[in-house]
Amino acid sequence: MREVEDLLRDLIRSAGLDWLLDELDEAIATGVAEEKLLQRRRGTSTEEYEALSVADVGTDIFHRSLKRGASVVVTTRP
């Protein structure tokens, strides 16, 4: 796979599209932003919180929680 990536990068450079590789590398380094609900962790006596994604709680609960004023955090993933 590394050889294929190197080949593709060489082809892109030879076409004069170095800027495209720069933007691609920057986007990969930045990651993907995701909105998550900040919710107190259940069953703990201390102030522990967890960030829950839409996949964790489901679309309906996520949107209902937002309407009720739940805190939203933005996280990134690779």
C-alpha atoms as a PDB file:
ATOM      1  CA  MET A   1       0.000   0.000   0.000  1.00  0.00           C
ATOM      2  CA  ARG A   2       2.891   2.323   0.772  1.00  0.00           C
ATOM      3  CA  GLU A   3       4.290   1.743  -2.727  1.00  0.00           C
ATOM      4  CA  VAL A   4       0.916   2.607  -4.265  1.00  0.00           C
ATOM      5  CA  GLU A   5       0.710   5.783  -2.193  1.00  0.00           C
ATOM      6  CA  ASP A   6       4.224   6.795  -3.252  1.00  0.00           C
ATOM      7  CA  LEU A   7       3.348   6.125  -6.898  1.00  0.00           C
ATOM      8  CA  LEU A   8       0.188   8.230  -6.659  1.00  0.00           C
ATOM      9  CA  ARG A   9       2.072  11.061  -4.955  1.00  0.00           C
ATOM     10  CA  ASP A  10       4.738  11.001  -7.670  1.00  0.00           C
ATOM     11  CA  LEU A  11       2.069  11.141 -10.385  1.00  0.00           C
ATOM     12  CA  ILE A  12       0.336  14.068  -8.702  1.00  0.00           C
ATOM     13  CA  ARG A  13       3.640  15.943  -8.303  1.00  0.00           C
ATOM     14  CA  SER A  14       4.584  15.295 -11.954  1.00  0.00           C
ATOM     15  CA  ALA A  15       1.246  16.842 -12.979  1.00  0.00           C
ATOM     16  CA  GLY A  16       2.172  20.012 -11.074  1.00  0.00           C
ATOM     17  CA  LEU A  17      -0.445  19.486  -8.377  1.00  0.00           C
ATOM     18  CA  ASP A  18       1.797  19.742  -5.318  1.00  0.00           C
ATOM     19  CA  TRP A  19      -0.785  22.008  -3.686  1.00  0.00           C
ATOM     20  CA  LEU A  20      -3.262  19.146  -3.755  1.00  0.00           C
ATOM     21  CA  LEU A  21      -0.926  16.933  -1.728  1.00  0.00           C
ATOM     22  CA  ASP A  22      -0.373  19.771   0.761  1.00  0.00           C
ATOM     23  CA  GLU A  23      -4.136  20.176   1.266  1.00  0.00           C
ATOM     24  CA  LEU A  24      -4.663  16.435   1.533  1.00  0.00           C
ATOM     25  CA  ASP A  25      -1.906  16.047   4.142  1.00  0.00           C
ATOM     26  CA  GLU A  26      -3.320  18.979   6.123  1.00  0.00           C
ATOM     27  CA  ALA A  27      -6.848  17.517   6.086  1.00  0.00           C
ATOM     28  CA  ILE A  28      -5.546  14.150   7.273  1.00  0.00           C
ATOM     29  CA  ALA A  29      -3.551  15.771  10.081  1.00  0.00           C
ATOM     30  CA  THR A  30      -6.558  17.848  11.182  1.00  0.00           C
ATOM     31  CA  GLY A  31      -8.912  14.876  11.400  1.00  0.00           C
ATOM     32  CA  VAL A  32     -12.698  14.823  11.238  1.00  0.00           C
ATOM     33  CA  ALA A  33     -14.693  17.064  13.571  1.00  0.00           C
ATOM     34  CA  GLU A  34     -17.648  15.457  15.362  1.00  0.00           C
ATOM     35  CA  GLU A  35     -20.280  17.012  17.621  1.00  0.00           C
ATOM     36  CA  LYS A  36     -20.935  15.036  20.790  1.00  0.00           C
ATOM     37  CA  LEU A  37     -23.152  15.407  23.840  1.00  0.00           C
ATOM     38  CA  LEU A  38     -21.392  15.980  27.118  1.00  0.00           C
ATOM     39  CA  GLN A  39     -23.206  13.850  29.686  1.00  0.00           C
ATOM     40  CA  ARG A  40     -22.547  12.885  33.282  1.00  0.00           C
ATOM     41  CA  ARG A  41     -21.362   9.286  33.451  1.00  0.00           C
ATOM     42  CA  ARG A  42     -24.070   7.061  34.939  1.00  0.00           C
ATOM     43  CA  GLY A  43     -23.459   5.200  38.166  1.00  0.00           C
ATOM     44  CA  THR A  44     -20.569   7.351  39.368  1.00  0.00           C
ATOM     45  CA  SER A  45     -20.550   9.418  42.505  1.00  0.00           C
ATOM     46  CA  THR A  46     -17.945  11.885  41.220  1.00  0.00           C
ATOM     47  CA  GLU A  47     -18.260  14.509  38.537  1.00  0.00           C
ATOM     48  CA  GLU A  48     -17.263  12.254  35.636  1.00  0.00           C
ATOM     49  CA  TYR A  49     -18.461  13.075  32.156  1.00  0.00           C
ATOM     50  CA  GLU A  50     -18.403  11.323  28.825  1.00  0.00           C
ATOM     51  CA  ALA A  51     -18.807  12.589  25.269  1.00  0.00           C
ATOM     52  CA  LEU A  52     -21.498  10.626  23.425  1.00  0.00           C
ATOM     53  CA  SER A  53     -21.852  10.652  19.645  1.00  0.00           C
ATOM     54  CA  VAL A  54     -25.074  10.286  17.692  1.00  0.00           C
ATOM     55  CA  ALA A  55     -24.139   6.635  17.122  1.00  0.00           C
ATOM     56  CA  ASP A  56     -23.854   6.124  20.895  1.00  0.00           C
ATOM     57  CA  VAL A  57     -27.297   7.465  21.812  1.00  0.00           C
ATOM     58  CA  GLY A  58     -29.331   7.521  18.603  1.00  0.00           C
ATOM     59  CA  THR A  59     -30.543  10.469  16.560  1.00  0.00           C
ATOM     60  CA  ASP A  60     -33.792  11.072  18.472  1.00  0.00           C
ATOM     61  CA  ILE A  61     -32.176  11.174  21.917  1.00  0.00           C
ATOM     62  CA  PHE A  62     -29.317  13.315  20.600  1.00  0.00           C
ATOM     63  CA  HIS A  63     -31.689  15.959  19.193  1.00  0.00           C
ATOM     64  CA  ARG A  64     -34.021  15.864  22.220  1.00  0.00           C
ATOM     65  CA  SER A  65     -31.041  16.415  24.489  1.00  0.00           C
ATOM     66  CA  LEU A  66     -29.965  19.406  22.399  1.00  0.00           C
ATOM     67  CA  LYS A  67     -33.446  20.926  22.702  1.00  0.00           C
ATOM     68  CA  ARG A  68     -33.226  20.513  26.486  1.00  0.00           C
ATOM     69  CA  GLY A  69     -29.990  22.490  26.534  1.00  0.00           C
ATOM     70  CA  ALA A  70     -27.450  19.684  26.726  1.00  0.00           C
ATOM     71  CA  SER A  71     -23.830  20.716  26.301  1.00  0.00           C
ATOM     72  CA  VAL A  72     -22.262  19.926  22.972  1.00  0.00           C
ATOM     73  CA  VAL A  73     -18.515  19.483  22.503  1.00  0.00           C
ATOM     74  CA  VAL A  74     -16.573  19.155  19.284  1.00  0.00           C
ATOM     75  CA  THR A  75     -14.016  16.384  19.154  1.00  0.00           C
ATOM     76  CA  THR A  76     -11.795  15.184  16.357  1.00  0.00           C
ATOM     77  CA  ARG A  77     -10.926  11.726  15.194  1.00  0.00           C
ATOM     78  CA  PRO A  78      -8.356  10.569  12.655  1.00  0.00           C
END
